[in-house]
Protein backbone atom coordinates (compact mmCIF):
# COMPACT_ATOMS: atom_id res chain seq x y z
CA UNK A 1 18.83 -16.97 15.59
CA UNK A 2 18.00 -14.87 12.32
CA UNK A 3 20.56 -15.50 9.64
CA UNK A 4 18.98 -14.57 6.56
CA UNK A 5 16.20 -12.12 5.77
CA UNK A 6 14.17 -11.83 2.66
CA UNK A 7 13.16 -7.94 1.64
CA UNK A 8 10.35 -7.36 -0.81
CA UNK A 9 10.85 -3.69 -2.28
CA UNK A 10 13.94 -1.73 -2.96
CA UNK A 11 12.49 1.71 -1.72
CA UNK A 12 13.97 3.70 1.33
CA UNK A 13 12.47 1.68 3.98
CA UNK A 14 13.39 -1.32 2.56
CA UNK A 15 17.23 -0.23 2.02
CA UNK A 16 17.21 1.19 5.60
CA UNK A 17 16.03 -2.07 6.92
CA UNK A 18 18.46 -4.25 4.68
CA UNK A 19 21.68 -1.87 5.65
CA UNK A 20 20.79 -2.14 9.37
CA UNK A 21 20.32 -6.11 9.09
CA UNK A 22 23.61 -6.14 7.20
CA UNK A 23 25.69 -4.01 9.93
CA UNK A 24 24.13 -6.78 12.38
CA UNK A 25 25.59 -9.66 10.40
CA UNK A 26 22.54 -10.66 8.87
CA UNK A 27 22.49 -11.97 5.23
CA UNK A 28 19.96 -9.99 3.20
CA UNK A 29 18.50 -10.69 0.02
CA UNK A 30 16.29 -7.76 -1.52
CA UNK A 31 13.65 -8.34 -4.25
CA UNK A 32 12.83 -5.30 -6.28
CA UNK A 33 9.98 -5.47 -9.08
CA UNK A 34 11.31 -2.53 -11.25
CA UNK A 35 14.83 -2.01 -12.74
CA UNK A 36 16.06 0.17 -9.96
CA UNK A 37 15.77 0.78 -6.13
CA UNK A 38 14.18 3.88 -4.75
CA UNK A 39 10.46 3.19 -4.93
CA UNK A 40 8.59 6.54 -5.25
CA UNK A 41 12.23 8.10 -4.99
CA UNK A 42 13.11 7.96 -8.93
CA UNK A 43 14.79 10.35 -11.01
CA UNK A 44 14.60 9.52 -14.92
CA UNK A 45 16.86 11.08 -17.40
CA UNK A 46 15.12 12.68 -20.44
CA UNK A 47 17.30 14.63 -23.00
CA UNK A 48 19.77 15.19 -20.68
CA UNK A 49 17.45 16.53 -17.90
CA UNK A 50 16.76 15.07 -14.33
CA UNK A 51 13.10 14.48 -13.86
CA UNK A 52 12.18 13.26 -10.28
CA UNK A 53 9.08 11.22 -10.46
CA UNK A 54 6.86 13.71 -8.86
CA UNK A 55 8.52 17.16 -6.97
CA UNK A 56 10.35 16.48 -3.92
CA UNK A 57 13.05 17.72 -1.65
CA UNK A 58 15.10 16.34 0.96
CA UNK A 59 14.77 18.25 4.36
CA UNK A 60 18.23 18.01 5.85
CA UNK A 61 16.76 18.33 9.37
CA UNK A 62 15.41 14.92 9.08
CA UNK A 63 16.98 12.98 12.29
CA UNK A 64 17.39 9.39 10.43
CA UNK A 65 18.45 10.98 7.09
CA UNK A 66 21.27 12.76 8.96
CA UNK A 67 22.20 9.84 10.64
CA UNK A 68 21.84 7.22 7.54
CA UNK A 69 22.79 9.59 4.34
CA UNK A 70 26.23 11.01 3.63
CA UNK A 71 25.30 14.69 2.52
CA UNK A 72 28.58 15.77 1.56
CA UNK A 73 28.85 13.06 -1.19
CA UNK A 74 25.02 13.71 -2.55
CA UNK A 75 26.51 17.15 -3.50
CA UNK A 76 23.15 19.00 -2.10
CA UNK A 77 21.85 22.42 -3.54
CA UNK A 78 19.77 24.27 -1.25
CA UNK A 79 16.73 26.56 -1.83
CA UNK A 80 16.75 29.93 -0.52
CA UNK A 81 14.41 29.47 3.00
CA UNK A 82 11.20 31.15 2.13
CA UNK A 83 9.19 31.33 -1.11
CA UNK A 84 8.18 33.84 -3.89
CA UNK A 85 4.41 34.58 -3.60
CA UNK A 86 2.28 34.84 -6.90
CA UNK A 87 -0.64 37.20 -5.48
CA UNK A 88 -2.65 40.08 -6.95
CA UNK A 89 -0.88 39.55 -10.28
CA UNK A 90 2.34 40.01 -8.79
CA UNK A 91 5.57 37.91 -7.22
CA UNK A 92 6.09 38.87 -3.60
CA UNK A 93 9.47 37.89 -1.89
CA UNK A 94 8.89 36.37 1.57
CA UNK A 95 12.41 34.86 3.00
CA UNK A 96 12.85 33.68 6.68
CA UNK A 97 14.08 36.71 8.45
CA UNK A 98 15.94 34.65 10.86
CA UNK A 99 18.21 33.60 8.17
CA UNK A 100 17.81 36.35 5.68
CA UNK A 101 17.56 39.19 7.85
CA UNK A 102 18.24 41.83 4.94
CA UNK A 103 15.16 40.80 3.52
CA UNK A 104 12.97 41.07 6.50
CA UNK A 105 11.31 44.47 5.07
CA UNK A 106 10.08 42.70 1.89
CA UNK A 107 8.69 40.00 3.72
CA UNK A 108 6.66 42.52 5.84
CA UNK A 109 5.59 44.48 3.20
CA UNK A 110 4.20 41.54 1.06
CA UNK A 111 0.58 41.43 0.95
CA UNK A 112 0.15 37.96 2.10
CA UNK A 113 -0.76 38.38 5.89
CA UNK A 114 -1.04 41.07 8.49
CA UNK A 115 2.23 42.34 10.59
CA UNK A 116 0.37 40.26 13.34
CA UNK A 117 0.30 37.03 11.48
CA UNK A 118 3.65 37.27 10.47
CA UNK A 119 4.71 37.43 13.96
CA UNK A 120 2.56 34.45 14.78
CA UNK A 121 4.85 32.63 12.33
CA UNK A 122 7.71 33.04 14.71
CA UNK A 123 5.53 31.95 17.54
CA UNK A 124 4.46 28.72 15.51
CA UNK A 125 8.30 28.07 14.82
CA UNK A 126 9.13 28.38 18.63
CA UNK A 127 6.36 25.69 19.16
CA UNK A 128 7.12 23.46 16.77
CA UNK A 129 10.52 23.25 17.62
CA UNK A 130 9.89 22.55 21.31
CA UNK A 131 7.40 19.73 20.60
CA UNK A 132 8.09 16.40 20.07
CA UNK A 133 5.24 15.56 17.56
CA UNK A 134 4.60 11.80 17.64
CA UNK A 135 4.79 11.02 21.39
CA UNK A 136 1.02 10.93 21.88
CA UNK A 137 1.34 13.23 24.69
CA UNK A 138 -0.73 15.87 23.11
CA UNK A 139 -4.24 15.70 20.96
CA UNK A 140 -4.17 15.60 17.67
CA UNK A 141 -6.33 17.73 15.54
CA UNK A 142 -6.06 19.21 11.91
CA UNK A 143 -3.18 21.61 10.51
CA UNK A 144 -6.05 24.33 9.70
CA UNK A 145 -7.57 24.05 13.37
CA UNK A 146 -4.08 24.47 14.65
CA UNK A 147 -3.51 27.60 12.61
CA UNK A 148 -7.03 29.16 13.69
CA UNK A 149 -6.40 27.97 17.09
CA UNK A 150 -2.94 30.21 17.22
CA UNK A 151 -5.20 33.11 15.69
CA UNK A 152 -3.77 33.01 12.23
CA UNK A 153 -6.11 34.96 9.82
CA UNK A 154 -7.95 33.60 6.48
CA UNK A 155 -5.41 35.70 4.15
CA UNK A 156 -2.31 34.60 5.83
CA UNK A 157 -3.93 30.99 5.59
CA UNK A 158 -5.04 31.15 2.18
CA UNK A 159 -2.22 32.76 0.74
CA UNK A 160 0.98 31.10 2.24
CA UNK A 161 0.18 27.93 4.42
CA UNK A 162 -2.16 26.25 1.65
CA UNK A 163 -0.04 26.54 -1.25
CA UNK A 164 3.19 25.89 0.95
CA UNK A 165 1.92 22.62 2.60
CA UNK A 166 -0.21 21.95 -0.32
CA UNK A 167 2.79 21.03 -2.01
CA UNK A 168 4.02 19.20 0.96
CA UNK A 169 1.12 17.10 1.67
CA UNK A 170 -0.37 17.00 -1.88
CA UNK A 171 -3.70 18.72 -0.71
CA UNK A 172 -4.74 22.39 0.33
CA UNK A 173 -7.20 21.79 2.83
CA UNK A 174 -4.79 21.75 5.64
CA UNK A 175 -6.63 18.64 6.93
CA UNK A 176 -3.31 16.69 7.48
CA UNK A 177 -2.64 15.97 11.09
CA UNK A 178 -1.27 18.62 13.14
CA UNK A 179 1.34 16.60 14.79
CA UNK A 180 2.57 16.12 11.03
CA UNK A 181 2.49 19.78 10.41
CA UNK A 182 4.49 20.45 13.44
CA UNK A 183 7.12 17.95 12.45
CA UNK A 184 7.20 19.07 8.91
CA UNK A 185 7.43 22.98 10.09
CA UNK A 186 10.01 22.00 12.53
CA UNK A 187 12.10 20.12 9.64
CA UNK A 188 11.72 23.39 7.65
CA UNK A 189 12.70 25.78 10.30
CA UNK A 190 16.04 23.77 11.70
CA UNK A 191 17.57 22.95 8.37
CA UNK A 192 17.93 23.43 4.60
CA UNK A 193 15.49 22.47 1.74
CA UNK A 194 17.67 20.55 -0.51
CA UNK A 195 18.20 18.61 -4.10
CA UNK A 196 21.09 16.28 -4.64
CA UNK A 197 23.24 17.13 -7.91
CA UNK A 198 22.04 14.15 -9.72
CA UNK A 199 18.34 14.11 -8.96
CA UNK A 200 16.55 12.61 -5.76
CA UNK A 201 17.17 9.06 -7.00
CA UNK A 202 21.19 9.75 -5.87
CA UNK A 203 19.63 8.94 -2.13
CA UNK A 204 18.43 5.31 -2.69
CA UNK A 205 21.50 4.79 -5.13
CA UNK A 206 23.78 5.76 -1.87
CA UNK A 207 21.91 3.51 0.50
CA UNK A 208 22.10 0.40 -1.95
CA UNK A 209 25.80 0.89 -2.67
CA UNK A 210 26.56 -0.51 0.71
CA UNK A 211 24.78 -3.74 0.05
CA UNK A 212 27.06 -6.85 -1.18
CA UNK A 213 26.91 -7.67 -4.69
CA UNK A 214 24.07 -9.93 -5.53
CA UNK A 215 22.30 -8.73 -2.65
CA UNK A 216 19.65 -6.55 -4.61
CA UNK A 217 17.78 -8.38 -7.52
CA UNK A 218 16.02 -5.84 -9.62
CA UNK A 219 13.20 -7.05 -12.40
CA UNK A 220 12.52 -9.70 -9.78
CA UNK A 221 9.11 -9.41 -8.73
CA UNK A 222 7.25 -11.45 -5.97
CA UNK A 223 4.11 -12.97 -6.48
CA UNK A 224 3.59 -14.47 -3.24
CA UNK A 225 5.03 -15.08 0.51
CA UNK A 226 4.22 -17.35 3.50
CA UNK A 227 4.23 -17.41 7.29
CA UNK A 228 6.74 -19.80 7.19
CA UNK A 229 9.65 -17.07 5.89
CA UNK A 230 9.14 -18.07 2.03
CA UNK A 231 8.94 -15.93 -0.81
CA UNK A 232 7.70 -17.06 -4.21
CA UNK A 233 8.93 -15.05 -7.19
CA UNK A 234 6.81 -14.41 -10.25
CA UNK A 235 8.70 -17.19 -12.17
CA UNK A 236 7.79 -19.77 -9.56
CA UNK A 237 11.52 -19.77 -7.84
CA UNK A 238 11.03 -19.96 -4.11
CA UNK A 239 13.36 -18.46 -1.71
CA UNK A 240 13.72 -19.21 2.19
CA UNK A 241 14.71 -17.24 4.85
CA UNK A 242 14.32 -16.89 8.74
CA UNK A 243 11.95 -13.57 8.28
CA UNK A 244 10.10 -11.63 5.32
CA UNK A 245 10.06 -7.92 5.42
CA UNK A 246 7.31 -6.54 2.96
CA UNK A 247 8.62 -2.84 2.10
CA UNK A 248 6.25 -2.18 -0.81
CA UNK A 249 3.75 0.67 -0.89
CA UNK A 250 0.54 0.11 0.89
CA UNK A 251 -1.81 -1.71 -1.65
CA UNK A 252 0.91 -4.17 -2.60
CA UNK A 253 1.97 -4.75 0.97
CA UNK A 254 -1.80 -5.48 1.97
CA UNK A 255 -2.24 -7.89 -0.82
CA UNK A 256 1.03 -9.87 0.04
CA UNK A 257 0.26 -10.06 3.28
CA UNK A 258 -3.15 -11.01 3.19
CA UNK A 259 -4.15 -8.13 5.68
CA UNK A 260 -5.93 -5.47 4.61
CA UNK A 261 -5.67 -3.24 7.56
CA UNK A 262 -1.93 -2.62 6.17
CA UNK A 263 -3.86 -0.43 3.56
CA UNK A 264 -6.67 1.08 5.14
CA UNK A 265 -5.46 4.84 5.03
CA UNK A 266 -5.86 5.44 1.22
CA UNK A 267 -3.22 7.71 -0.46
CA UNK A 268 -2.85 11.02 -2.31
CA UNK A 269 -1.96 11.30 -5.78
CA UNK A 270 0.74 13.83 -7.08
CA UNK A 271 1.02 15.42 -10.67
CA UNK A 272 4.21 17.05 -12.12
CA UNK A 273 4.77 18.60 -15.36
CA UNK A 274 8.32 19.12 -16.62
CA UNK A 275 9.59 21.71 -19.07
CA UNK A 276 12.88 22.39 -21.07
CA UNK A 277 13.58 26.11 -20.58
CA UNK A 278 15.97 28.29 -22.32
CA UNK A 279 16.64 30.30 -19.43
CA UNK A 280 14.58 30.51 -15.91
CA UNK A 281 12.85 33.78 -15.66
CA UNK A 282 14.17 34.11 -11.94
CA UNK A 283 17.96 33.10 -11.07
CA UNK A 284 17.57 32.45 -7.56
CA UNK A 285 16.93 29.09 -6.08
CA UNK A 286 13.32 29.71 -4.98
CA UNK A 287 10.21 28.15 -4.71
CA UNK A 288 7.15 29.76 -6.18
CA UNK A 289 3.88 29.56 -4.74
CA UNK A 290 0.60 30.32 -6.24
CA UNK A 291 -1.65 32.06 -4.21
CA UNK A 292 -3.84 33.10 -6.88
CA UNK A 293 -7.54 31.17 -6.82
CA UNK A 294 -7.93 30.17 -10.70
CA UNK A 295 -5.20 28.15 -11.62
CA UNK A 296 -4.16 24.46 -11.43
CA UNK A 297 -0.70 25.33 -10.75
CA UNK A 298 0.19 24.93 -6.76
CA UNK A 299 3.73 25.58 -7.05
CA UNK A 300 6.68 25.87 -9.42
CA UNK A 301 10.44 25.71 -9.44
CA UNK A 302 13.51 25.46 -11.35
CA UNK A 303 15.55 22.53 -10.05
CA UNK A 304 18.64 23.36 -12.24
CA UNK A 305 18.86 26.63 -10.35
CA UNK A 306 19.13 24.59 -7.06
CA UNK A 307 21.13 21.78 -8.56
CA UNK A 308 22.94 22.35 -12.00
CA UNK A 309 22.88 18.63 -12.63
CA UNK A 310 19.24 18.70 -13.34
CA UNK A 311 19.59 20.29 -16.88
CA UNK A 312 22.02 20.35 -19.59
CA UNK A 313 24.51 23.35 -19.67
CA UNK A 314 22.71 26.26 -21.13
CA UNK A 315 19.49 25.25 -20.52
CA UNK A 316 17.06 25.39 -17.52
CA UNK A 317 14.41 22.69 -15.92
CA UNK A 318 11.05 23.97 -14.94
CA UNK A 319 8.78 21.66 -12.28
CA UNK A 320 5.17 22.50 -12.08
CA UNK A 321 3.29 20.51 -9.51
CA UNK A 322 -0.40 20.35 -9.89
CA UNK A 323 -2.64 18.79 -7.00
CA UNK A 324 -5.22 15.90 -8.01
CA UNK A 325 -8.07 18.24 -6.87
CA UNK A 326 -7.18 20.44 -9.93
CA UNK A 327 -5.46 18.02 -12.12
CA UNK A 328 -8.99 16.05 -12.98
CA UNK A 329 -8.14 13.16 -15.28
CA UNK A 330 -5.21 15.02 -16.92
CA UNK A 331 -6.90 15.93 -19.80
CA UNK A 332 -5.23 19.23 -21.63
CA UNK A 333 -3.27 19.58 -18.35
CA UNK A 334 -0.05 20.75 -20.16
CA UNK A 335 -1.98 23.64 -21.96
CA UNK A 336 -3.67 24.67 -19.01
CA UNK A 337 -0.44 24.81 -17.17
CA UNK A 338 0.97 26.56 -20.10
CA UNK A 339 -1.84 29.11 -20.18
CA UNK A 340 -1.58 30.07 -16.88
CA UNK A 341 2.45 30.39 -17.01
CA UNK A 342 1.94 32.69 -19.83
CA UNK A 343 -0.21 34.94 -17.84
CA UNK A 344 2.79 35.14 -15.35
CA UNK A 345 5.92 35.32 -18.05
CA UNK A 346 4.41 36.00 -21.06
CA UNK A 347 2.98 33.91 -23.91
CA UNK A 348 5.84 34.33 -26.47
CA UNK A 349 8.45 33.38 -23.62
CA UNK A 350 6.63 30.28 -22.31
CA UNK A 351 5.88 29.17 -26.18
CA UNK A 352 9.84 28.47 -26.11
CA UNK A 353 9.40 25.94 -23.04
CA UNK A 354 9.40 22.27 -24.33
CA UNK A 355 7.26 19.91 -22.78
CA UNK A 356 9.59 17.09 -21.19
CA UNK A 357 6.93 14.82 -19.51
CA UNK A 358 3.84 14.68 -17.24
CA UNK A 359 3.90 12.69 -14.27
CA UNK A 360 0.74 11.08 -12.61
CA UNK A 361 2.25 9.55 -9.56
CA UNK A 362 -0.91 7.60 -7.58
CA UNK A 363 -0.51 6.99 -3.93
CA UNK A 364 2.59 9.44 -3.69
CA UNK A 365 1.78 9.82 -0.21
CA UNK A 366 0.02 7.69 2.36
CA UNK A 367 -2.82 9.82 3.64
CA UNK A 368 -2.38 11.63 6.78
CA UNK A 369 -5.43 12.81 8.64
CA UNK A 370 -5.45 12.95 12.12
CA UNK A 371 -7.28 9.22 12.52
CA UNK A 372 -4.08 7.97 10.53
CA UNK A 373 -1.57 9.65 12.64
CA UNK A 374 -3.15 9.53 16.02
CA UNK A 375 -1.05 6.51 16.97
CA UNK A 376 2.76 7.83 16.63
CA UNK A 377 3.61 4.54 15.08
CA UNK A 378 1.71 1.59 13.40
CA UNK A 379 3.35 -1.90 14.09
CA UNK A 380 5.74 -3.58 11.79
CA UNK A 381 5.55 -6.91 13.05
CA UNK A 382 2.45 -9.20 11.47
CA UNK A 383 3.46 -12.69 12.37
CA UNK A 384 6.21 -14.66 13.72
CA UNK A 385 8.32 -14.30 10.36
CA UNK A 386 6.52 -11.65 8.77
CA UNK A 387 6.99 -8.02 9.03
CA UNK A 388 5.98 -4.80 7.13
CA UNK A 389 7.83 -1.53 6.73
CA UNK A 390 7.34 2.01 4.88
CA UNK A 391 6.41 5.52 5.49
CA UNK A 392 2.82 4.16 6.02
CA UNK A 393 3.82 2.76 9.42
CA UNK A 394 5.58 6.08 10.71
CA UNK A 395 4.83 9.22 8.61
CA UNK A 396 5.01 9.87 5.09
CA UNK A 397 8.25 11.50 4.52
CA UNK A 398 11.66 10.37 3.87
CA UNK A 399 12.49 10.64 7.13
CA UNK A 400 9.25 8.24 8.12
CA UNK A 401 10.23 5.61 5.31
CA UNK A 402 13.76 5.39 6.70
CA UNK A 403 13.01 5.60 10.27
CA UNK A 404 10.31 2.64 9.61
CA UNK A 405 12.85 0.61 8.17
CA UNK A 406 15.28 0.75 10.97
CA UNK A 407 12.51 0.15 13.18
CA UNK A 408 11.47 -3.26 11.44
CA UNK A 409 15.30 -4.17 11.53
CA UNK A 410 15.70 -3.70 15.34
CA UNK A 411 12.36 -5.40 15.76
CA UNK A 412 13.61 -8.60 13.73
CA UNK A 413 16.85 -8.38 15.93
CA UNK A 414 15.10 -7.98 18.96
CA UNK A 415 12.65 -10.49 18.38
CA UNK A 416 15.27 -13.11 17.67
CA UNK A 417 17.15 -12.43 21.01
């Protein structure tokens, strides 16, 4: 019988696993190497601004997130359903005509794609909503092949799908697996795109609040684990349990588990440049996509227009997402971003924007090519007392991380029984 489980890593997967084990009456001890839980879902406070570590959002339609999170307590603010697209040196508003019928004409007139392509988006929505993407019932191809098979033309692909899903998958080539594309498209169609009032770190903080006192030990890196259910901390302390769950990122998990196959996918790097802005040039809570060819910027938003807690009163926060393919080594990145922003909003205005911080997040997402997601799920049990969980076991999303943690907890309980 499983009485005590040791968790290594306090990201969403580890927290979800621990919460479910606690509900089943299992004692949990979670070791987190950093100063706070959250893993990649972290928010830093800088000069009164809430800076998420990389541009992140919560899709409220995520099925596991809906089950595990209290949305009302997160005090979510929502983006408008659509985007403002920078193309031909102008901004063009494209909102979901199903949710914003009053904006249907402006969406139809935007020089982003043909009218036929805009109608195909509705067909894509219907197909995505009707599919169960990770069952393995349909062949998995790339996102670009999926779009071309549906008849989408290159202007629509280049001006909408590449920047929009480039921000989601951290690559603009649309090589991401088609089942992941369908899943994310469905989540956008069925729910809201949201930010918690206090930043994305409010999500792991809410999940951690259900743990007993002293069950979570931050600033406690783990140096080694063994097959006997024992964890060796960096200071040499040994802790024993009935099972060990490694809930770290892929590379750390492979090293701790002594299994290179845990980290055989590689990952995508995220860059985000934050600015303190006197007043956002747009009052709406809208995502701005860059469909122009020569720019380091993939997308821009003002999180403080979505959730006011992101900036002090009387100020706004600008978040510029840059893909790794455009960032290079990061040298002069702020200067390059400013130069392009000035071409959008005028140099005198952008000169008043104060740089707050630039984040580079290696392995922000596990790679999600067709060969990575051909199998719906990767195994979570590596040995009699050894388990591993994380979004790299399911799919690279908040939902995938939580689902992986829940799946691991059930595997431990069911395996014991």
